[in-house]
Each structure stands twice: as structure tokens, then as C-alpha cells.
Amino acid sequence: MKTNERAKYIYLTLQLLPTEKEREALQMTWDNYKKACNTFSRIKYLKLAKGKHMDVSACKKEEPKSARALAQRLLHAVYENSIKYTVEEAYKNQEDSEKLALIVFGEYDETNVKLLAIPYFRKPTFTVDFSTKKCRLDLAKNFQKIAFTIPKGLPEPPESWEVKRAYLKLIYGTWYLTLGFSNPTIKTEVKPDAHIVGIDRGEINIATTYSPDKGAKRYSAKDYYTSCKGGTKDDYHKNLFAKDVIVAQEIVERESPDTIFVLEDLHFNKLRKGWSYRNFSDAFIYLAALHHQCVFFCDPRNTSRTCPKCGEVTNTKRNRDEHRFICCSCGYGEKEIVNDDENAAENIYLRGRKELLKDDF
């Protein structure tokens, strides 16, 4: 199946349950890794800025060390490649752009920073045992065995699935480990009669699906209310994810095992508060693979602004107060009410079908 980098892996996020001692080791690793990335980020920024003939005199307060030296001093040598990867990935979008800014790594709820995740790519640095519900992580001082739990609604992965990578994250005081498995559905053959479903993600509607045979269906966030135990940011984040899992379950169970779902390949430089679009896609792809369904990512540009009837983009308008789509070119949506999310889901379906089957719509 035609695919992209985003669809090569299936992700499952585990919540870690560390003891006080393990929490201290995790925090020390996190703080040192963040410090190393921010220092090495200056190396990358100075190098790119020099190539663009920019004045970086204000940034040269001290000469930063190499990634290896930083890893050995703050953590240990095994983290050298992780530090390089984290910083290189952060600057990817800036290298070919005229705009260049120093990237600072920070915590989940900080503004104007790049969110941090510690990648583990080498198998000896991490192992996961689902029989004992414990993972073994290479931290700053030594290895630690830490208990974990799988989020409610997500089953264990099949034994045949091999964990290829892991990412350590700290979100509102809770530690998570996101596992990356090779996608077993990635080589699926796309047939002319393939059942394709477009999915639009959003804040008001967690997801909106569209297929010609079943039409559009909205999964409104207010219909999936789950009570929070408290009023903290951590409770709110977990509540959002719980909704995502429920909606993902309903969608995959509504469609046949041979379904190909199409999602937008969304990327945001800043955290979108109140919209866990990435958490939904991770949970959704994981559940879809368990149901032998495939996920394809399409170009997200103008899916909400395109008329699915005439194809016009520039002369369209959306009534955001009424969540209504109206095409100023052909008049689609003037007489009948067309929901803007349903319109986007239909465009995502059309775009995905065109790319997968080379259809001309």
C-alpha cells in the first residue's frame, strides 16, 4: 500500500507507575536530557545561522560541547544519538526556510518551547514485558525496572508484534512510555473495490467519518463525557485521551476488517490545547491494526476549504458559528445545510481514494 513515514509504525502509550526512587531516577534523566538537548540545540542553531550569514553574537555566551561530551557528562554515552536525533528532527522544518530561530525544549504546559520526548531506539536500552507489566529502562544512573499499566480500552499487542522503539514522556507530572511497533498492515494491497473511509479530526467533533455507502457520521465530544476525578491538568489530559479511545473503538468496530481509513497528516509547531489529535490517531491506528484495518495519511492542505462538488478552493467560505460549509462558486451548501466537518471528511475520503487508486475525481 502506498504510505508515508507516519504510517510505518503503530504506537501504544503506557502509563508508568514508578516508585519514589524510580521517579527520582526518571526526573534526573529527564532534566539532564533536556539540558543536553538545549545545549546541543545551540550548536545546531549556530551552524545553520552561520550558513545563512546571520548575526549570532548574542548567542555565543559560551562554546557548547559536542553531543557525545554532553551525553557522557550529564547522562552517559548511549544517549549521544538520541540527543542528536531529538535536535535534528526539531530543526528539520527550519533548514529550508528563511525563518530560523533557536529551539528551546521544555515541559508539556510551557509556551514557546518544543515538547520533549526521550527516544530509545536501541533494544538494549529498553525492554517491555507484558506478562509482568514491567519495563526496563536505561536511565541516567542505571537500569530501572518500572511497572506500567495499559490505558483502559486498549488491549495488549499480539506476541508477534515486535517493539522497535520507545519514547519517554512527562505530561503534567505523569510518566508515559510510548512504544513503536512495525506496522503489519503496511504492505496491504489496495484493490479497486477497496472500502475507504475518510476521517476528519477536531475539537467539537472528536472525529467525523465519511464513506459513500454509509455517508457522514459525527462523534461529538460532548456525547462522550467522562467525569474527571479532580480538576487538575493531568486529570483533564487523561479525560481527553479516554474519549479518544472510546471513539476510536466505535469507528473501527463499525467498519469491516478490510477497511482503509484516511487521516490527514497533521503537524503543529505548537501544542493545541484541548485537542489531542495525535493521541487519537495513535489509539486509532493501534486498534485498526488489531482489526486488520489499514490507515493511510493524506495531504491536509485545504481539506476544510475545498468544495467536494466543484473542487473550488479559493472562493469558499465556512460559517464557523453554524459550523456550516457554503461554496461561493457552485452554491453547494446554500439550500441544504452542509456541516463543515462532514465536508472535510468527504474531501479527505476523495483525496485518499485518488492517491490510493489513482482515481480522477
Protein backbone atom coordinates (compact mmCIF):
# COMPACT_ATOMS: atom_id res chain seq x y z
CA MET A 1 0.00 0.00 0.00
CA LYS A 2 1.25 3.50 -0.79
CA THR A 3 2.17 5.05 2.53
CA ASN A 4 4.40 7.56 4.29
CA GLU A 5 6.71 7.68 7.28
CA ARG A 6 3.85 8.37 9.68
CA ALA A 7 2.13 5.05 8.85
CA LYS A 8 5.20 2.83 9.22
CA TYR A 9 4.74 2.43 12.96
CA ILE A 10 1.90 1.63 15.33
CA TYR A 11 2.08 3.35 18.69
CA LEU A 12 0.85 2.26 22.11
CA THR A 13 1.29 4.61 25.07
CA LEU A 14 1.75 3.02 28.50
CA GLN A 15 1.39 4.86 31.80
CA LEU A 16 4.35 4.22 34.08
CA LEU A 17 3.79 3.54 37.78
CA PRO A 18 7.18 4.38 39.32
CA THR A 19 8.13 4.13 42.98
CA GLU A 20 9.57 7.22 44.66
CA LYS A 21 13.12 6.04 43.94
CA GLU A 22 12.28 5.28 40.31
CA ARG A 23 10.56 8.65 39.97
CA GLU A 24 13.74 10.39 41.13
CA ALA A 25 15.78 8.47 38.54
CA LEU A 26 13.28 9.36 35.82
CA GLN A 27 13.31 13.04 36.80
CA MET A 28 17.10 13.19 36.88
CA THR A 29 17.29 11.61 33.43
CA TRP A 30 14.62 13.99 32.11
CA ASP A 31 16.27 17.14 33.50
CA ASN A 32 19.73 16.18 32.24
CA TYR A 33 18.43 15.15 28.83
CA LYS A 34 16.55 18.43 28.45
CA LYS A 35 19.69 20.37 29.44
CA ALA A 36 21.77 18.39 26.93
CA CYS A 37 19.26 18.96 24.12
CA ASN A 38 19.06 22.70 24.80
CA THR A 39 22.85 22.99 24.80
CA PHE A 40 23.21 20.92 21.62
CA SER A 41 20.36 22.93 20.08
CA ARG A 42 22.63 25.96 20.24
CA ILE A 43 25.28 24.03 18.31
CA LYS A 44 22.77 23.27 15.57
CA TYR A 45 21.38 26.82 15.54
CA LEU A 46 24.83 28.43 15.31
CA LYS A 47 25.76 26.11 12.44
CA LEU A 48 22.60 26.87 10.47
CA ALA A 49 22.77 30.60 11.23
CA LYS A 50 26.37 30.74 10.04
CA GLY A 51 25.31 29.19 6.73
CA LYS A 52 22.63 31.87 6.36
CA HIS A 53 25.12 34.65 7.30
CA MET A 54 23.11 35.66 10.36
CA ASP A 55 24.47 37.63 13.32
CA VAL A 56 24.71 35.16 16.23
CA SER A 57 26.98 37.16 18.51
CA ALA A 58 24.28 37.33 21.19
CA CYS A 59 24.11 33.53 21.26
CA LYS A 60 27.83 32.92 21.77
CA LYS A 61 27.95 33.33 25.53
CA GLU A 62 29.76 30.03 25.89
CA GLU A 63 31.02 27.46 23.45
CA PRO A 64 28.68 24.44 23.60
CA LYS A 65 30.15 20.96 23.76
CA SER A 66 29.54 18.03 21.41
CA ALA A 67 26.58 15.68 21.82
CA ARG A 68 28.91 12.90 22.97
CA ALA A 69 30.54 15.10 25.61
CA LEU A 70 27.14 16.27 26.82
CA ALA A 71 25.81 12.73 26.99
CA GLN A 72 28.83 11.47 28.92
CA ARG A 73 28.76 14.37 31.38
CA LEU A 74 25.02 14.61 32.02
CA LEU A 75 23.82 11.07 31.28
CA HIS A 76 26.07 8.50 29.62
CA ALA A 77 27.37 7.84 26.12
CA VAL A 78 24.40 5.76 24.97
CA TYR A 79 22.30 8.95 24.80
CA GLU A 80 24.52 10.64 22.21
CA ASN A 81 22.47 9.52 19.18
CA SER A 82 19.19 10.27 20.97
CA ILE A 83 20.27 13.85 21.65
CA LYS A 84 21.33 14.30 18.02
CA TYR A 85 18.05 12.81 16.76
CA THR A 86 15.86 14.97 19.00
CA VAL A 87 17.59 18.21 17.96
CA GLU A 88 17.96 17.32 14.26
CA GLU A 89 14.25 16.45 13.99
CA ALA A 90 13.29 19.73 15.66
CA TYR A 91 15.26 21.79 13.12
CA LYS A 92 14.15 19.84 10.03
CA ASN A 93 11.39 22.29 9.10
CA GLN A 94 13.69 25.29 9.55
CA GLU A 95 16.65 24.20 7.43
CA ASP A 96 14.97 25.01 4.11
CA SER A 97 13.08 28.01 5.46
CA GLU A 98 14.20 31.63 5.52
CA LYS A 99 12.97 31.85 9.10
CA LEU A 100 15.43 30.45 11.62
CA ALA A 101 15.05 30.58 15.40
CA LEU A 102 16.77 28.94 18.32
CA ILE A 103 14.65 25.99 19.50
CA VAL A 104 14.25 25.58 23.25
CA PHE A 105 12.97 22.32 24.71
CA GLY A 106 10.58 22.50 27.65
CA GLU A 107 7.73 20.91 29.60
CA TYR A 108 4.30 19.96 28.31
CA ASP A 109 2.47 23.02 29.65
CA GLU A 110 5.13 25.63 28.80
CA THR A 111 4.61 28.02 25.90
CA ASN A 112 7.02 28.83 23.05
CA VAL A 113 9.02 25.64 23.58
CA LYS A 114 9.46 22.36 21.74
CA LEU A 115 7.85 19.49 23.62
CA LEU A 116 10.35 16.91 24.76
CA ALA A 117 10.37 13.13 24.41
CA ILE A 118 13.38 10.90 25.09
CA PRO A 119 13.73 8.34 22.27
CA TYR A 120 15.01 4.81 22.84
CA PHE A 121 15.96 3.22 19.51
CA ARG A 122 18.45 0.57 20.63
CA LYS A 123 16.82 -2.53 22.08
CA PRO A 124 19.33 -3.00 24.97
CA THR A 125 18.32 0.41 26.32
CA PHE A 126 14.73 -0.72 26.90
CA THR A 127 12.68 -3.89 27.21
CA VAL A 128 8.95 -4.35 27.83
CA ASP A 129 7.36 -7.40 29.45
CA PHE A 130 3.57 -7.52 29.12
CA SER A 131 3.32 -10.68 31.25
CA THR A 132 4.72 -8.92 34.33
CA LYS A 133 3.61 -5.41 33.25
CA LYS A 134 7.11 -4.06 33.78
CA CYS A 135 9.55 -2.23 31.52
CA ARG A 136 13.32 -1.93 31.92
CA LEU A 137 14.77 1.46 31.02
CA ASP A 138 18.34 2.69 30.75
CA LEU A 139 18.27 5.86 32.85
CA ALA A 140 20.97 8.36 33.83
CA LYS A 141 22.50 6.32 36.65
CA ASN A 142 21.50 2.74 35.88
CA PHE A 143 18.74 0.48 34.59
CA GLN A 144 15.39 0.61 36.38
CA LYS A 145 12.50 -1.86 36.22
CA ILE A 146 9.29 0.15 36.34
CA ALA A 147 5.70 -1.11 36.50
CA PHE A 148 3.21 0.12 33.92
CA THR A 149 -0.46 -0.05 33.03
CA ILE A 150 -2.22 -0.13 29.66
CA PRO A 151 -4.91 2.58 29.19
CA LYS A 152 -8.47 1.31 29.61
CA GLY A 153 -9.98 0.16 26.33
CA LEU A 154 -6.65 -0.74 24.69
CA PRO A 155 -5.84 -4.48 24.64
CA GLU A 156 -2.34 -5.92 24.81
CA PRO A 157 -0.48 -6.17 21.50
CA PRO A 158 -0.12 -9.61 19.87
CA GLU A 159 3.05 -11.51 20.75
CA SER A 160 4.05 -11.38 17.07
CA TRP A 161 4.37 -7.60 17.22
CA GLU A 162 7.95 -6.54 17.90
CA VAL A 163 8.70 -3.29 19.72
CA LYS A 164 11.15 -1.30 17.60
CA ARG A 165 11.39 1.95 19.52
CA ALA A 166 10.12 3.76 22.61
CA TYR A 167 9.66 7.36 23.73
CA LEU A 168 9.71 8.52 27.34
CA LYS A 169 7.38 11.45 28.05
CA LEU A 170 6.42 13.55 31.07
CA ILE A 171 2.94 15.08 30.84
CA TYR A 172 1.54 17.06 33.76
CA GLY A 173 3.53 15.03 36.29
CA THR A 174 2.65 11.61 34.87
CA TRP A 175 5.28 9.45 33.17
CA TYR A 176 4.43 7.70 29.90
CA LEU A 177 6.30 5.30 27.61
CA THR A 178 5.11 5.24 24.01
CA LEU A 179 6.03 2.03 22.19
CA GLY A 180 6.51 1.87 18.42
CA PHE A 181 5.73 -1.41 16.59
CA SER A 182 6.35 -2.12 12.92
CA ASN A 183 3.01 -1.77 11.15
CA PRO A 184 1.89 -5.25 10.00
CA THR A 185 -0.70 -3.78 7.60
CA ILE A 186 1.68 -1.54 5.69
CA LYS A 187 2.07 -3.93 2.72
CA THR A 188 -1.67 -4.40 2.23
CA GLU A 189 -2.69 -4.46 -1.43
CA VAL A 190 -5.22 -1.80 -2.39
CA LYS A 191 -7.88 -3.24 -4.69
CA PRO A 192 -10.22 -1.22 -6.96
CA ASP A 193 -13.23 -2.14 -4.81
CA ALA A 194 -11.46 -1.21 -1.56
CA HIS A 195 -13.69 0.13 1.22
CA ILE A 196 -12.24 3.57 2.06
CA VAL A 197 -13.36 5.85 4.91
CA GLY A 198 -12.23 9.47 5.35
CA ILE A 199 -11.82 10.80 8.90
CA ASP A 200 -11.64 14.45 9.95
CA ARG A 201 -10.37 15.20 13.47
CA GLY A 202 -11.33 18.22 15.53
CA GLU A 203 -12.19 19.70 18.91
CA ILE A 204 -16.01 19.96 18.73
CA ASN A 205 -16.28 16.64 16.94
CA ILE A 206 -13.51 14.29 18.04
CA ALA A 207 -13.87 12.60 14.67
CA THR A 208 -16.15 12.79 11.64
CA THR A 209 -16.22 9.86 9.21
CA TYR A 210 -17.37 9.67 5.61
CA SER A 211 -17.82 6.87 3.07
CA PRO A 212 -20.20 6.74 0.07
CA ASP A 213 -22.15 3.75 1.39
CA LYS A 214 -22.61 4.96 4.99
CA GLY A 215 -22.44 8.72 4.48
CA ALA A 216 -21.10 11.01 7.22
CA LYS A 217 -21.14 10.42 10.96
CA ARG A 218 -20.03 12.86 13.64
CA TYR A 219 -18.59 11.80 17.01
CA SER A 220 -19.26 14.89 19.13
CA ALA A 221 -17.00 15.45 22.14
CA LYS A 222 -19.98 16.38 24.34
CA ASP A 223 -21.53 12.94 23.72
CA TYR A 224 -18.52 11.23 25.26
CA TYR A 225 -18.41 12.98 28.60
CA THR A 226 -16.36 11.19 31.24
CA SER A 227 -16.07 12.63 34.73
CA CYS A 228 -12.68 13.77 35.99
CA LYS A 229 -11.57 12.64 39.44
CA GLY A 230 -10.13 16.09 40.03
CA GLY A 231 -9.73 19.41 38.32
CA THR A 232 -6.02 19.20 37.52
CA LYS A 233 -4.41 19.46 34.10
CA ASP A 234 -3.34 15.84 34.46
CA ASP A 235 -6.97 14.75 35.00
CA TYR A 236 -8.08 16.80 32.01
CA HIS A 237 -5.42 15.29 29.75
CA LYS A 238 -6.34 11.73 30.77
CA ASN A 239 -10.02 12.54 30.25
CA LEU A 240 -9.34 13.68 26.68
CA PHE A 241 -7.41 10.51 25.94
CA ALA A 242 -10.19 8.33 27.40
CA LYS A 243 -12.64 9.95 24.97
CA ASP A 244 -10.26 9.37 22.07
CA VAL A 245 -10.00 5.66 22.86
CA ILE A 246 -13.79 5.23 23.07
CA VAL A 247 -14.38 6.99 19.74
CA ALA A 248 -11.55 5.06 18.07
CA GLN A 249 -13.09 1.79 19.27
CA GLU A 250 -16.52 2.70 17.90
CA ILE A 251 -15.17 3.67 14.48
CA VAL A 252 -13.05 0.55 13.90
CA GLU A 253 -15.86 -1.73 15.11
CA ARG A 254 -18.35 0.00 12.78
CA GLU A 255 -16.32 -0.83 9.67
CA SER A 256 -15.30 -4.13 8.06
CA PRO A 257 -11.84 -5.71 8.58
CA ASP A 258 -10.72 -4.78 5.05
CA THR A 259 -11.33 -1.04 5.54
CA ILE A 260 -8.70 1.55 4.65
CA PHE A 261 -9.04 4.68 6.76
CA VAL A 262 -7.68 8.00 5.53
CA LEU A 263 -6.42 10.62 8.02
CA GLU A 264 -4.80 13.99 7.45
CA ASP A 265 -1.05 14.03 8.06
CA LEU A 266 -1.26 16.82 10.64
CA HIS A 267 1.75 18.57 12.16
CA PHE A 268 1.65 21.55 14.52
CA ASN A 269 4.61 23.51 15.83
CA LYS A 270 2.69 24.48 18.95
CA LEU A 271 0.58 22.34 21.27
CA ARG A 272 -3.13 22.59 20.51
CA LYS A 273 -4.72 22.85 23.97
CA GLY A 274 -7.91 20.85 24.31
CA TRP A 275 -7.34 18.83 21.14
CA SER A 276 -5.47 15.56 21.47
CA TYR A 277 -5.34 14.96 17.72
CA ARG A 278 -2.11 12.93 17.96
CA ASN A 279 -3.35 10.80 20.87
CA PHE A 280 -6.47 9.95 18.90
CA SER A 281 -4.53 8.89 15.80
CA ASP A 282 -2.14 6.74 17.88
CA ALA A 283 -5.01 4.94 19.63
CA PHE A 284 -6.97 4.68 16.39
CA ILE A 285 -4.12 3.20 14.30
CA TYR A 286 -3.36 0.71 17.08
CA LEU A 287 -6.98 -0.50 17.29
CA ALA A 288 -7.37 -0.50 13.50
CA ALA A 289 -4.33 -2.77 13.10
CA LEU A 290 -5.79 -5.19 15.67
CA HIS A 291 -8.93 -5.30 13.49
CA HIS A 292 -6.81 -5.91 10.33
CA GLN A 293 -7.64 -2.45 9.01
CA CYS A 294 -5.19 -0.04 7.35
CA VAL A 295 -4.56 3.68 7.82
CA PHE A 296 -3.30 6.00 5.09
CA PHE A 297 -2.21 9.61 5.62
CA CYS A 298 -3.04 12.26 3.03
CA ASP A 299 -2.02 15.87 2.46
CA PRO A 300 -4.03 18.02 4.93
CA ARG A 301 -3.99 21.26 2.92
CA ASN A 302 -7.40 22.82 2.20
CA THR A 303 -9.50 19.78 3.14
CA SER A 304 -11.82 22.12 5.08
CA ARG A 305 -11.89 24.80 2.35
CA THR A 306 -12.48 22.65 -0.72
CA CYS A 307 -15.90 22.08 -2.30
CA PRO A 308 -16.32 18.31 -2.93
CA LYS A 309 -18.76 19.01 -5.78
CA CYS A 310 -16.90 21.52 -7.97
CA GLY A 311 -13.41 21.33 -6.45
CA GLU A 312 -13.15 25.11 -5.85
CA VAL A 313 -10.85 26.18 -3.02
CA THR A 314 -10.31 29.93 -3.02
CA ASN A 315 -13.95 31.00 -3.38
CA THR A 316 -15.37 29.02 -0.50
CA LYS A 317 -16.42 30.11 2.95
CA ARG A 318 -17.20 28.43 6.23
CA ASN A 319 -19.80 29.71 8.69
CA ARG A 320 -17.95 28.78 11.87
CA ASP A 321 -20.80 29.93 14.14
CA GLU A 322 -23.19 27.48 12.49
CA HIS A 323 -20.42 25.01 11.54
CA ARG A 324 -21.70 25.20 8.00
CA PHE A 325 -19.88 24.97 4.67
CA ILE A 326 -21.05 27.03 1.67
CA CYS A 327 -19.35 27.13 -1.74
CA CYS A 328 -19.42 30.57 -3.35
CA SER A 329 -18.62 29.08 -6.74
CA CYS A 330 -21.31 26.45 -7.34
CA GLY A 331 -23.63 27.22 -4.42
CA TYR A 332 -23.22 23.85 -2.73
CA GLY A 333 -24.47 24.25 0.84
CA GLU A 334 -26.75 27.26 0.20
CA LYS A 335 -30.04 25.35 0.03
CA GLU A 336 -29.05 22.32 2.05
CA ILE A 337 -27.10 22.52 5.31
CA VAL A 338 -23.63 21.03 4.93
CA ASN A 339 -21.69 20.56 8.15
CA ASP A 340 -18.10 21.80 7.77
CA ASP A 341 -16.57 18.74 9.49
CA GLU A 342 -18.63 16.37 7.32
CA ASN A 343 -17.46 18.31 4.27
CA ALA A 344 -13.83 17.93 5.37
CA ALA A 345 -14.28 14.20 5.97
CA GLU A 346 -15.69 13.79 2.44
CA ASN A 347 -12.74 15.69 0.97
CA ILE A 348 -10.31 13.52 2.95
CA TYR A 349 -12.08 10.43 1.56
CA LEU A 350 -11.84 11.78 -2.01
CA ARG A 351 -8.19 12.76 -1.62
CA GLY A 352 -7.26 9.42 -0.09
CA ARG A 353 -9.10 7.44 -2.77
CA LYS A 354 -7.46 9.48 -5.53
CA GLU A 355 -3.96 8.89 -4.14
CA LEU A 356 -4.52 5.22 -3.34
CA LEU A 357 -6.33 4.20 -6.52
CA LYS A 358 -5.19 6.93 -8.90
CA ASP A 359 -8.84 7.83 -9.47
CA ASP A 360 -9.73 11.13 -11.15
CA PHE A 361 -12.46 12.91 -9.22
